[in-house]
Amino acid sequence: MSQFVQEKKLPPIELTLELAERLEALLTTEVRERRVISEKASDEFSMRIADAFGTETLGSRREYRPALLSDSTSEVRIRYRSGHKSESEIDVDIVFSPQREWSRYRVEVQGDSAREIALATSDAIDRLVEPHRRTHGYLHLGLVGFIARSLGSWVGATMLVAGVVRPSLAWVGYAGAVLVVLSVAHWMGGRYMLPYTIFDSAQARRRSQTWKWFVTGIATFLLFGTILTAMRRRIFGF
């Protein structure tokens, strides 16, 4: 009997209750239809939701009555296990977290064609998740992001001071202001506005809209408050 285990990182996504239900259907219905598990196997599906009030474990997504997830949701974990007697045939563990390093899934299969079954299941999960992928991964770059923000803030502050002290270097000050604003925006976006996994809640929807306004404001500031101003002064002298 062979065994195959695959672990993969999840992309930055927005987790909706619809996606959770589709994952449940994939694991509890389509997997069996593909004859991944034996007829004698016992199925066990669970969905665990952690928030500020505690942890709720459900036997199905349909048992969760609210239309949206709680504003304080900190983790959603979907688990599916199926096996016969004491021997597990398939074990799928999917963790959705606000932190990049904890958002991942694991597929373990024991039995004939374990590799093919595990890869097919993994591919099906990826295809379900892909339409919910979001583009805010640049806010969650780990150590690289921290170093970039720190350097951007320090260099930007230095340039800003230089521009204030020496009016002839005003353009340097403008560039420094841009670096500082971008560094602060990057930190605020990843920490408060757009976590790695966005849990579909009323608060998340408000923050997403606020972030769009914030980014639009920054773009307007960069264009009209710095770049065009600097070009005007260099061309027209005022």
C-alpha atoms as a PDB file:
ATOM      1  CA  MET A   1       0.000   0.000   0.000  1.00  0.00           C
ATOM      2  CA  SER A   2       1.416   3.375  -1.020  1.00  0.00           C
ATOM      3  CA  GLN A   3       1.143   6.721   0.717  1.00  0.00           C
ATOM      4  CA  PHE A   4       1.406  10.174  -0.794  1.00  0.00           C
ATOM      5  CA  VAL A   5       1.345  13.538   0.990  1.00  0.00           C
ATOM      6  CA  GLN A   6       1.179  16.949  -0.643  1.00  0.00           C
ATOM      7  CA  GLU A   7       1.272  20.322   1.117  1.00  0.00           C
ATOM      8  CA  LYS A   8       0.684  23.611  -0.677  1.00  0.00           C
ATOM      9  CA  LYS A   9       0.378  27.268   0.212  1.00  0.00           C
ATOM     10  CA  LEU A  10      -2.933  28.932  -0.492  1.00  0.00           C
ATOM     11  CA  PRO A  11      -2.959  32.150  -2.536  1.00  0.00           C
ATOM     12  CA  PRO A  12      -4.383  35.394  -1.094  1.00  0.00           C
ATOM     13  CA  ILE A  13      -8.134  34.968  -1.464  1.00  0.00           C
ATOM     14  CA  GLU A  14     -11.505  36.129  -0.240  1.00  0.00           C
ATOM     15  CA  LEU A  15     -13.155  33.252   1.618  1.00  0.00           C
ATOM     16  CA  THR A  16     -16.917  33.305   1.161  1.00  0.00           C
ATOM     17  CA  LEU A  17     -19.459  30.874   2.564  1.00  0.00           C
ATOM     18  CA  GLU A  18     -20.211  29.879  -1.020  1.00  0.00           C
ATOM     19  CA  LEU A  19     -16.604  28.803  -1.526  1.00  0.00           C
ATOM     20  CA  ALA A  20     -16.676  26.841   1.740  1.00  0.00           C
ATOM     21  CA  GLU A  21     -19.833  25.046   0.590  1.00  0.00           C
ATOM     22  CA  ARG A  22     -18.298  24.216  -2.771  1.00  0.00           C
ATOM     23  CA  LEU A  23     -15.216  22.794  -1.054  1.00  0.00           C
ATOM     24  CA  GLU A  24     -17.469  20.657   1.107  1.00  0.00           C
ATOM     25  CA  ALA A  25     -19.279  19.378  -1.984  1.00  0.00           C
ATOM     26  CA  LEU A  26     -15.973  18.588  -3.648  1.00  0.00           C
ATOM     27  CA  LEU A  27     -14.681  16.587  -0.708  1.00  0.00           C
ATOM     28  CA  THR A  28     -17.851  14.762   0.318  1.00  0.00           C
ATOM     29  CA  THR A  29     -19.430  14.153  -3.082  1.00  0.00           C
ATOM     30  CA  GLU A  30     -17.069  14.399  -6.024  1.00  0.00           C
ATOM     31  CA  VAL A  31     -14.293  12.499  -4.298  1.00  0.00           C
ATOM     32  CA  ARG A  32     -16.593   9.548  -3.690  1.00  0.00           C
ATOM     33  CA  GLU A  33     -17.983   9.696  -7.212  1.00  0.00           C
ATOM     34  CA  ARG A  34     -14.455   9.343  -8.519  1.00  0.00           C
ATOM     35  CA  ARG A  35     -14.182   6.219  -6.361  1.00  0.00           C
ATOM     36  CA  VAL A  36     -11.276   7.654  -4.451  1.00  0.00           C
ATOM     37  CA  ILE A  37     -12.501   5.945  -1.282  1.00  0.00           C
ATOM     38  CA  SER A  38     -13.903   2.487  -0.677  1.00  0.00           C
ATOM     39  CA  GLU A  39     -17.590   1.767  -0.260  1.00  0.00           C
ATOM     40  CA  LYS A  40     -16.960   0.688   3.323  1.00  0.00           C
ATOM     41  CA  ALA A  41     -15.222   3.921   4.223  1.00  0.00           C
ATOM     42  CA  SER A  42     -16.678   6.243   6.839  1.00  0.00           C
ATOM     43  CA  ASP A  43     -16.730   9.956   6.029  1.00  0.00           C
ATOM     44  CA  GLU A  44     -15.984  12.733   8.480  1.00  0.00           C
ATOM     45  CA  PHE A  45     -16.311  16.376   7.430  1.00  0.00           C
ATOM     46  CA  SER A  46     -15.896  19.369   9.729  1.00  0.00           C
ATOM     47  CA  MET A  47     -15.696  23.114   9.377  1.00  0.00           C
ATOM     48  CA  ARG A  48     -14.167  25.007  12.283  1.00  0.00           C
ATOM     49  CA  ILE A  49     -14.609  28.772  12.604  1.00  0.00           C
ATOM     50  CA  ALA A  50     -12.590  30.713  15.176  1.00  0.00           C
ATOM     51  CA  ASP A  51     -13.457  34.274  16.157  1.00  0.00           C
ATOM     52  CA  ALA A  52     -13.279  36.594  19.178  1.00  0.00           C
ATOM     53  CA  PHE A  53     -16.098  34.716  20.918  1.00  0.00           C
ATOM     54  CA  GLY A  54     -14.667  31.203  20.621  1.00  0.00           C
ATOM     55  CA  THR A  55     -14.402  28.308  18.191  1.00  0.00           C
ATOM     56  CA  GLU A  56     -17.407  26.719  16.512  1.00  0.00           C
ATOM     57  CA  THR A  57     -17.159  23.277  14.900  1.00  0.00           C
ATOM     58  CA  LEU A  58     -19.784  22.374  12.306  1.00  0.00           C
ATOM     59  CA  GLY A  59     -20.604  19.113  10.593  1.00  0.00           C
ATOM     60  CA  SER A  60     -21.565  20.977   7.435  1.00  0.00           C
ATOM     61  CA  ARG A  61     -21.361  24.511   6.048  1.00  0.00           C
ATOM     62  CA  ARG A  62     -25.158  24.570   5.953  1.00  0.00           C
ATOM     63  CA  GLU A  63     -25.224  24.462   9.758  1.00  0.00           C
ATOM     64  CA  TYR A  64     -23.802  27.982   9.811  1.00  0.00           C
ATOM     65  CA  ARG A  65     -26.881  30.205   9.769  1.00  0.00           C
ATOM     66  CA  PRO A  66     -25.557  33.801   9.378  1.00  0.00           C
ATOM     67  CA  ALA A  67     -25.302  35.185   5.855  1.00  0.00           C
ATOM     68  CA  LEU A  68     -21.733  36.386   6.431  1.00  0.00           C
ATOM     69  CA  LEU A  69     -18.828  35.379   8.617  1.00  0.00           C
ATOM     70  CA  SER A  70     -18.244  37.210  11.892  1.00  0.00           C
ATOM     71  CA  ASP A  71     -16.253  40.453  11.777  1.00  0.00           C
ATOM     72  CA  SER A  72     -13.729  38.961  14.204  1.00  0.00           C
ATOM     73  CA  THR A  73     -13.159  35.701  12.308  1.00  0.00           C
ATOM     74  CA  SER A  74      -9.520  34.723  12.749  1.00  0.00           C
ATOM     75  CA  GLU A  75      -9.394  31.285  11.115  1.00  0.00           C
ATOM     76  CA  VAL A  76     -11.517  28.860   9.124  1.00  0.00           C
ATOM     77  CA  ARG A  77     -10.426  25.241   8.933  1.00  0.00           C
ATOM     78  CA  ILE A  78     -12.009  22.621   6.683  1.00  0.00           C
ATOM     79  CA  ARG A  79     -11.177  18.989   7.369  1.00  0.00           C
ATOM     80  CA  TYR A  80     -12.227  15.845   5.552  1.00  0.00           C
ATOM     81  CA  ARG A  81     -11.213  12.331   6.510  1.00  0.00           C
ATOM     82  CA  SER A  82     -12.378   9.045   5.091  1.00  0.00           C
ATOM     83  CA  GLY A  83     -11.145   5.614   5.903  1.00  0.00           C
ATOM     84  CA  HIS A  84     -12.023   2.017   6.730  1.00  0.00           C
ATOM     85  CA  LYS A  85     -11.543   0.695  10.255  1.00  0.00           C
ATOM     86  CA  SER A  86      -8.391   2.260  11.737  1.00  0.00           C
ATOM     87  CA  GLU A  87      -6.711   2.958   8.429  1.00  0.00           C
ATOM     88  CA  SER A  88      -7.213   6.347   6.821  1.00  0.00           C
ATOM     89  CA  GLU A  89      -7.566   6.393   3.045  1.00  0.00           C
ATOM     90  CA  ILE A  90      -7.752  10.124   2.486  1.00  0.00           C
ATOM     91  CA  ASP A  91      -7.182  13.104   4.777  1.00  0.00           C
ATOM     92  CA  VAL A  92      -7.609  16.700   3.578  1.00  0.00           C
ATOM     93  CA  ASP A  93      -6.871  19.647   5.872  1.00  0.00           C
ATOM     94  CA  ILE A  94      -7.427  23.206   4.559  1.00  0.00           C
ATOM     95  CA  VAL A  95      -6.548  26.208   6.740  1.00  0.00           C
ATOM     96  CA  PHE A  96      -7.576  29.766   5.864  1.00  0.00           C
ATOM     97  CA  SER A  97      -5.738  32.339   7.971  1.00  0.00           C
ATOM     98  CA  PRO A  98      -5.096  36.111   7.921  1.00  0.00           C
ATOM     99  CA  GLN A  99      -1.391  35.202   8.047  1.00  0.00           C
ATOM    100  CA  ARG A 100       0.387  34.121   4.879  1.00  0.00           C
ATOM    101  CA  GLU A 101       2.490  31.471   6.594  1.00  0.00           C
ATOM    102  CA  TRP A 102      -0.535  29.623   8.025  1.00  0.00           C
ATOM    103  CA  SER A 103      -2.732  29.625   4.919  1.00  0.00           C
ATOM    104  CA  ARG A 104      -2.201  26.234   3.343  1.00  0.00           C
ATOM    105  CA  TYR A 105      -3.702  22.820   2.725  1.00  0.00           C
ATOM    106  CA  ARG A 106      -2.533  19.248   3.071  1.00  0.00           C
ATOM    107  CA  VAL A 107      -3.706  16.166   1.201  1.00  0.00           C
ATOM    108  CA  GLU A 108      -2.707  12.709   2.403  1.00  0.00           C
ATOM    109  CA  VAL A 109      -3.785   9.529   0.628  1.00  0.00           C
ATOM    110  CA  GLN A 110      -3.065   5.908   1.445  1.00  0.00           C
ATOM    111  CA  GLY A 111      -3.859   3.062  -0.887  1.00  0.00           C
ATOM    112  CA  ASP A 112      -3.563   2.177  -4.547  1.00  0.00           C
ATOM    113  CA  SER A 113      -2.750   5.078  -6.895  1.00  0.00           C
ATOM    114  CA  ALA A 114      -2.185   7.355  -3.881  1.00  0.00           C
ATOM    115  CA  ARG A 115      -0.121   9.850  -5.894  1.00  0.00           C
ATOM    116  CA  GLU A 116      -2.685  10.202  -8.692  1.00  0.00           C
ATOM    117  CA  ILE A 117      -5.572  10.554  -6.257  1.00  0.00           C
ATOM    118  CA  ALA A 118      -3.792  13.166  -4.119  1.00  0.00           C
ATOM    119  CA  LEU A 119      -2.733  15.244  -7.121  1.00  0.00           C
ATOM    120  CA  ALA A 120      -6.216  15.103  -8.623  1.00  0.00           C
ATOM    121  CA  THR A 121      -7.743  16.251  -5.326  1.00  0.00           C
ATOM    122  CA  SER A 122      -5.168  19.030  -4.994  1.00  0.00           C
ATOM    123  CA  ASP A 123      -5.839  20.186  -8.549  1.00  0.00           C
ATOM    124  CA  ALA A 124      -9.595  20.282  -7.860  1.00  0.00           C
ATOM    125  CA  ILE A 125      -9.031  22.423  -4.747  1.00  0.00           C
ATOM    126  CA  ASP A 126      -6.830  24.816  -6.714  1.00  0.00           C
ATOM    127  CA  ARG A 127      -9.469  25.203  -9.420  1.00  0.00           C
ATOM    128  CA  LEU A 128     -12.170  25.997  -6.864  1.00  0.00           C
ATOM    129  CA  VAL A 129     -10.009  28.542  -5.064  1.00  0.00           C
ATOM    130  CA  GLU A 130      -8.623  30.295  -8.139  1.00  0.00           C
ATOM    131  CA  PRO A 131     -11.728  32.439  -8.956  1.00  0.00           C
ATOM    132  CA  HIS A 132     -11.555  33.813  -5.407  1.00  0.00           C
ATOM    133  CA  ARG A 133      -7.903  34.858  -5.682  1.00  0.00           C
ATOM    134  CA  ARG A 134      -7.241  38.524  -4.945  1.00  0.00           C
ATOM    135  CA  THR A 135      -4.362  40.790  -5.961  1.00  0.00           C
ATOM    136  CA  HIS A 136      -3.280  42.017  -2.510  1.00  0.00           C
ATOM    137  CA  GLY A 137      -0.454  39.502  -2.089  1.00  0.00           C
ATOM    138  CA  TYR A 138       2.037  42.376  -2.438  1.00  0.00           C
ATOM    139  CA  LEU A 139       0.951  43.481   1.054  1.00  0.00           C
ATOM    140  CA  HIS A 140       2.123  40.176   2.561  1.00  0.00           C
ATOM    141  CA  LEU A 141       5.746  39.647   1.603  1.00  0.00           C
ATOM    142  CA  GLY A 142       6.987  38.528   5.014  1.00  0.00           C
ATOM    143  CA  LEU A 143      10.567  39.486   5.869  1.00  0.00           C
ATOM    144  CA  VAL A 144      11.121  41.018   2.442  1.00  0.00           C
ATOM    145  CA  GLY A 145       8.170  43.351   2.962  1.00  0.00           C
ATOM    146  CA  PHE A 146       9.345  44.327   6.439  1.00  0.00           C
ATOM    147  CA  ILE A 147      12.847  45.170   5.190  1.00  0.00           C
ATOM    148  CA  ALA A 148      11.468  47.125   2.228  1.00  0.00           C
ATOM    149  CA  ARG A 149       9.107  49.143   4.467  1.00  0.00           C
ATOM    150  CA  SER A 150      11.854  49.869   6.984  1.00  0.00           C
ATOM    151  CA  LEU A 151      14.318  51.010   4.329  1.00  0.00           C
ATOM    152  CA  GLY A 152      11.634  52.998   2.528  1.00  0.00           C
ATOM    153  CA  SER A 153      10.635  54.818   5.723  1.00  0.00           C
ATOM    154  CA  TRP A 154      14.230  55.577   6.743  1.00  0.00           C
ATOM    155  CA  VAL A 155      15.404  56.689   3.302  1.00  0.00           C
ATOM    156  CA  GLY A 156      12.191  58.619   2.701  1.00  0.00           C
ATOM    157  CA  ALA A 157      12.408  60.456   6.029  1.00  0.00           C
ATOM    158  CA  THR A 158      16.047  61.357   5.307  1.00  0.00           C
ATOM    159  CA  MET A 159      15.163  62.707   1.867  1.00  0.00           C
ATOM    160  CA  LEU A 160      12.184  64.619   3.269  1.00  0.00           C
ATOM    161  CA  VAL A 161      14.365  66.333   5.878  1.00  0.00           C
ATOM    162  CA  ALA A 162      16.949  67.182   3.215  1.00  0.00           C
ATOM    163  CA  GLY A 163      14.258  68.783   1.080  1.00  0.00           C
ATOM    164  CA  VAL A 164      12.983  70.868   3.992  1.00  0.00           C
ATOM    165  CA  VAL A 165      16.450  72.021   5.104  1.00  0.00           C
ATOM    166  CA  ARG A 166      17.627  72.870   1.588  1.00  0.00           C
ATOM    167  CA  PRO A 167      14.882  74.370  -0.622  1.00  0.00           C
ATOM    168  CA  SER A 168      17.034  73.733  -3.682  1.00  0.00           C
ATOM    169  CA  LEU A 169      16.478  70.006  -3.054  1.00  0.00           C
ATOM    170  CA  ALA A 170      12.721  70.304  -2.878  1.00  0.00           C
ATOM    171  CA  TRP A 171      12.272  67.510  -5.417  1.00  0.00           C
ATOM    172  CA  VAL A 172      14.254  65.223  -3.103  1.00  0.00           C
ATOM    173  CA  GLY A 173      11.841  66.086  -0.307  1.00  0.00           C
ATOM    174  CA  TYR A 174       8.874  65.257  -2.547  1.00  0.00           C
ATOM    175  CA  ALA A 175      10.396  61.894  -3.424  1.00  0.00           C
ATOM    176  CA  GLY A 176      11.036  61.242   0.269  1.00  0.00           C
ATOM    177  CA  ALA A 177       7.418  62.043   1.104  1.00  0.00           C
ATOM    178  CA  VAL A 178       6.306  59.562  -1.532  1.00  0.00           C
ATOM    179  CA  LEU A 179       8.485  56.822  -0.024  1.00  0.00           C
ATOM    180  CA  VAL A 180       7.179  57.477   3.474  1.00  0.00           C
ATOM    181  CA  VAL A 181       3.551  57.472   2.343  1.00  0.00           C
ATOM    182  CA  LEU A 182       3.992  54.252   0.366  1.00  0.00           C
ATOM    183  CA  SER A 183       5.760  52.528   3.272  1.00  0.00           C
ATOM    184  CA  VAL A 184       3.042  53.477   5.753  1.00  0.00           C
ATOM    185  CA  ALA A 185       0.306  52.514   3.291  1.00  0.00           C
ATOM    186  CA  HIS A 186       1.905  49.104   2.718  1.00  0.00           C
ATOM    187  CA  TRP A 187       2.046  48.442   6.463  1.00  0.00           C
ATOM    188  CA  MET A 188      -1.519  49.626   7.114  1.00  0.00           C
ATOM    189  CA  GLY A 189      -2.920  47.699   4.171  1.00  0.00           C
ATOM    190  CA  GLY A 190      -1.491  44.352   5.213  1.00  0.00           C
ATOM    191  CA  ARG A 191      -2.148  44.740   8.921  1.00  0.00           C
ATOM    192  CA  TYR A 192      -5.571  46.361   9.058  1.00  0.00           C
ATOM    193  CA  MET A 193      -7.280  46.543   5.693  1.00  0.00           C
ATOM    194  CA  LEU A 194      -6.561  43.447   3.635  1.00  0.00           C
ATOM    195  CA  PRO A 195      -5.366  40.372   5.552  1.00  0.00           C
ATOM    196  CA  TYR A 196      -3.883  37.527   3.522  1.00  0.00           C
ATOM    197  CA  THR A 197      -7.206  35.670   3.640  1.00  0.00           C
ATOM    198  CA  ILE A 198     -10.134  38.074   3.567  1.00  0.00           C
ATOM    199  CA  PHE A 199     -13.050  36.531   5.441  1.00  0.00           C
ATOM    200  CA  ASP A 200     -16.303  37.674   3.870  1.00  0.00           C
ATOM    201  CA  SER A 201     -17.896  39.754   6.629  1.00  0.00           C
ATOM    202  CA  ALA A 202     -19.602  43.123   6.911  1.00  0.00           C
ATOM    203  CA  GLN A 203     -16.422  44.665   8.303  1.00  0.00           C
ATOM    204  CA  ALA A 204     -14.260  43.155   5.545  1.00  0.00           C
ATOM    205  CA  ARG A 205     -16.536  44.652   2.904  1.00  0.00           C
ATOM    206  CA  ARG A 206     -16.317  48.085   4.502  1.00  0.00           C
ATOM    207  CA  ARG A 207     -12.545  47.888   4.798  1.00  0.00           C
ATOM    208  CA  SER A 208     -12.179  46.763   1.211  1.00  0.00           C
ATOM    209  CA  GLN A 209     -14.111  49.816   0.051  1.00  0.00           C
ATOM    210  CA  THR A 210     -12.105  52.064   2.371  1.00  0.00           C
ATOM    211  CA  TRP A 211      -8.853  50.650   0.976  1.00  0.00           C
ATOM    212  CA  LYS A 212      -9.972  51.445  -2.562  1.00  0.00           C
ATOM    213  CA  TRP A 213     -10.640  55.048  -1.533  1.00  0.00           C
ATOM    214  CA  PHE A 214      -7.307  55.162   0.282  1.00  0.00           C
ATOM    215  CA  VAL A 215      -5.363  53.895  -2.737  1.00  0.00           C
ATOM    216  CA  THR A 216      -7.197  56.336  -4.991  1.00  0.00           C
ATOM    217  CA  GLY A 217      -6.284  59.160  -2.600  1.00  0.00           C
ATOM    218  CA  ILE A 218      -2.624  58.158  -2.577  1.00  0.00           C
ATOM    219  CA  ALA A 219      -2.558  57.967  -6.371  1.00  0.00           C
ATOM    220  CA  THR A 220      -4.110  61.437  -6.576  1.00  0.00           C
ATOM    221  CA  PHE A 221      -1.573  62.781  -4.064  1.00  0.00           C
ATOM    222  CA  LEU A 222       1.364  61.263  -5.960  1.00  0.00           C
ATOM    223  CA  LEU A 223       0.162  62.581  -9.293  1.00  0.00           C
ATOM    224  CA  PHE A 224      -1.060  66.073  -8.441  1.00  0.00           C
ATOM    225  CA  GLY A 225       0.701  66.761  -5.157  1.00  0.00           C
ATOM    226  CA  THR A 226       4.206  65.638  -6.026  1.00  0.00           C
ATOM    227  CA  ILE A 227       4.984  64.613  -9.594  1.00  0.00           C
ATOM    228  CA  LEU A 228       3.103  67.341 -11.434  1.00  0.00           C
ATOM    229  CA  THR A 229       4.088  69.936  -8.842  1.00  0.00           C
ATOM    230  CA  ALA A 230       7.765  69.073  -9.226  1.00  0.00           C
ATOM    231  CA  MET A 231       7.484  69.162 -13.038  1.00  0.00           C
ATOM    232  CA  ARG A 232       5.727  72.552 -12.913  1.00  0.00           C
ATOM    233  CA  ARG A 233       8.448  74.051 -10.729  1.00  0.00           C
ATOM    234  CA  ARG A 234      11.219  72.733 -12.944  1.00  0.00           C
ATOM    235  CA  ILE A 235       9.524  73.945 -16.131  1.00  0.00           C
ATOM    236  CA  PHE A 236       7.885  77.205 -15.046  1.00  0.00           C
ATOM    237  CA  GLY A 237       9.878  78.013 -11.912  1.00  0.00           C
ATOM    238  CA  PHE A 238       6.938  78.379  -9.529  1.00  0.00           C
END
